[in-house]
Amino acid sequence: MTGLGLKRRIGRIAFDAGAMLLFAAGVLLLPVLLPAIAVSEAWEMRKLARTRCTRCGNRIGITEIRRARQDGIAQAWAAIGAVPALWRRRRVVAVWNVICPTCGHEYTYSFHARRQGLMSKGPGSDGAMSPGHGA
């Protein structure tokens, strides 16, 4: 066996060992990561539920946030199913359409733009964020 062939074999063994180590670390971290993801999502939903409507000033509420989340996920899955499976990966962003239960003012929320919070939409809105996540 030549020196170059031996180096390739050692490199391949090291690569495979590293891949196995990363896989094992991922499996071992699952019990920690899954609850952390669940807590993060619950925190985000509670924060959105405390958001006050820009038109009437009342809180949006957790019931409306949950409804908007379920509808957004259902629409995203429908959009994924509508696109034929080609060689590219399909990427769909679930957009939540939140409606104030008191006055009916509409907002949108995208998980990828979550730092912006609920964005006002509809006639007469300037697209500004809804102020106040608390109180």
Protein backbone atom coordinates (compact mmCIF):
# COMPACT_ATOMS: atom_id res chain seq x y z
CA MET A 1 0.00 0.00 0.00
CA THR A 2 1.40 3.35 -1.00
CA GLY A 3 1.62 6.38 1.27
CA LEU A 4 -1.12 8.21 -0.65
CA GLY A 5 -3.54 5.28 -0.43
CA LEU A 6 -2.91 4.94 3.29
CA LYS A 7 -3.55 8.65 3.86
CA ARG A 8 -6.84 8.42 1.97
CA ARG A 9 -7.94 5.43 4.03
CA ILE A 10 -7.02 7.14 7.30
CA GLY A 11 -8.80 10.31 6.15
CA ARG A 12 -11.91 8.32 5.25
CA ILE A 13 -11.91 6.54 8.61
CA ALA A 14 -11.52 9.87 10.43
CA PHE A 15 -14.38 11.38 8.40
CA ASP A 16 -16.66 8.41 9.13
CA ALA A 17 -15.80 8.54 12.84
CA GLY A 18 -16.59 12.27 12.92
CA ALA A 19 -19.91 11.70 11.19
CA MET A 20 -20.82 8.95 13.67
CA LEU A 21 -19.83 11.21 16.58
CA LEU A 22 -22.05 14.04 15.27
CA PHE A 23 -24.97 11.65 14.81
CA ALA A 24 -24.54 10.27 18.34
CA ALA A 25 -24.34 13.80 19.78
CA GLY A 26 -27.54 14.75 17.95
CA VAL A 27 -29.38 11.72 19.30
CA LEU A 28 -28.14 12.40 22.82
CA LEU A 29 -29.17 16.08 22.64
CA LEU A 30 -32.73 15.35 21.43
CA PRO A 31 -34.15 15.08 24.97
CA VAL A 32 -32.76 18.55 25.68
CA LEU A 33 -33.56 20.21 22.36
CA LEU A 34 -37.19 19.11 21.97
CA PRO A 35 -38.39 20.62 25.28
CA ALA A 36 -36.38 23.77 24.56
CA ILE A 37 -38.12 24.14 21.19
CA ALA A 38 -41.53 23.57 22.81
CA VAL A 39 -40.84 26.19 25.49
CA SER A 40 -39.64 28.67 22.87
CA GLU A 41 -42.79 28.20 20.78
CA ALA A 42 -45.06 28.52 23.83
CA TRP A 43 -43.24 31.70 24.86
CA GLU A 44 -43.68 33.18 21.38
CA MET A 45 -47.39 32.34 21.29
CA ARG A 46 -48.00 33.88 24.71
CA LYS A 47 -46.14 37.01 23.65
CA LEU A 48 -48.31 37.28 20.54
CA ALA A 49 -51.47 36.67 22.58
CA ARG A 50 -50.61 39.67 24.79
CA THR A 51 -50.27 41.94 21.75
CA ARG A 52 -52.82 44.73 21.71
CA CYS A 53 -54.84 45.59 18.62
CA THR A 54 -53.81 48.89 17.03
CA ARG A 55 -57.41 49.78 16.25
CA CYS A 56 -59.37 48.95 19.42
CA GLY A 57 -56.61 48.43 22.02
CA ASN A 58 -57.82 45.04 23.25
CA ARG A 59 -55.55 42.00 23.48
CA ILE A 60 -55.59 39.52 20.62
CA GLY A 61 -55.77 36.47 22.89
CA ILE A 62 -54.33 32.97 22.85
CA THR A 63 -57.42 31.45 21.23
CA GLU A 64 -57.05 33.58 18.10
CA ILE A 65 -53.28 32.97 17.95
CA ARG A 66 -53.82 29.19 18.12
CA ARG A 67 -56.50 29.37 15.40
CA ALA A 68 -54.24 31.45 13.16
CA ARG A 69 -51.34 29.05 13.74
CA GLN A 70 -53.41 25.99 12.83
CA ASP A 71 -54.78 27.68 9.69
CA GLY A 72 -51.31 28.86 8.66
CA ILE A 73 -49.84 25.39 9.05
CA ALA A 74 -52.74 23.85 7.09
CA GLN A 75 -52.26 26.38 4.26
CA ALA A 76 -48.51 25.71 4.18
CA TRP A 77 -49.07 21.94 3.92
CA ALA A 78 -51.62 22.52 1.16
CA ALA A 79 -49.11 24.68 -0.71
CA ILE A 80 -46.43 22.00 -0.36
CA GLY A 81 -48.82 19.37 -1.71
CA ALA A 82 -49.80 21.57 -4.65
CA VAL A 83 -46.22 21.87 -5.93
CA PRO A 84 -45.01 18.87 -7.91
CA ALA A 85 -42.01 17.11 -6.41
CA LEU A 86 -39.12 18.08 -8.63
CA TRP A 87 -35.40 17.91 -8.06
CA ARG A 88 -35.48 21.03 -5.85
CA ARG A 89 -36.45 21.22 -2.25
CA ARG A 90 -39.80 22.90 -1.65
CA ARG A 91 -39.69 25.80 0.80
CA VAL A 92 -42.90 27.23 2.16
CA VAL A 93 -43.24 29.81 4.91
CA ALA A 94 -46.37 29.50 7.02
CA VAL A 95 -48.02 32.91 7.37
CA TRP A 96 -50.55 33.32 10.14
CA ASN A 97 -53.58 35.53 9.46
CA VAL A 98 -54.59 36.87 12.87
CA ILE A 99 -57.92 38.67 13.31
CA CYS A 100 -58.72 40.80 16.35
CA PRO A 101 -61.71 39.11 18.03
CA THR A 102 -63.13 42.48 19.13
CA CYS A 103 -62.98 44.73 16.06
CA GLY A 104 -61.99 42.32 13.26
CA HIS A 105 -58.77 44.14 12.28
CA GLU A 106 -56.42 41.79 10.43
CA TYR A 107 -52.74 41.12 11.04
CA THR A 108 -50.17 38.80 9.52
CA TYR A 109 -47.39 36.97 11.31
CA SER A 110 -44.53 35.05 9.80
CA PHE A 111 -42.28 32.91 11.96
CA HIS A 112 -39.27 33.99 9.88
CA ALA A 113 -40.05 37.67 10.55
CA ARG A 114 -41.04 37.13 14.18
CA ARG A 115 -38.95 40.03 15.47
CA GLN A 116 -41.39 42.33 13.71
CA GLY A 117 -44.38 40.88 15.56
CA LEU A 118 -47.86 41.15 14.12
CA MET A 119 -48.00 43.27 10.98
CA SER A 120 -51.21 45.18 10.36
CA LYS A 121 -52.93 44.61 7.02
CA GLY A 122 -56.12 45.60 5.31
CA PRO A 123 -57.66 48.92 4.25
CA GLY A 124 -56.56 51.99 6.12
CA SER A 125 -53.48 50.36 7.63
CA ASP A 126 -50.01 51.68 7.08
CA GLY A 127 -48.40 48.27 7.61
CA ALA A 128 -46.96 49.33 10.96
CA MET A 129 -46.29 46.91 13.75
CA SER A 130 -48.79 46.66 16.54
CA PRO A 131 -47.31 48.33 19.60
CA GLY A 132 -47.06 46.87 23.05
CA HIS A 133 -46.47 43.22 23.80
CA GLY A 134 -47.44 43.58 27.42
CA ALA A 135 -49.47 45.40 30.06
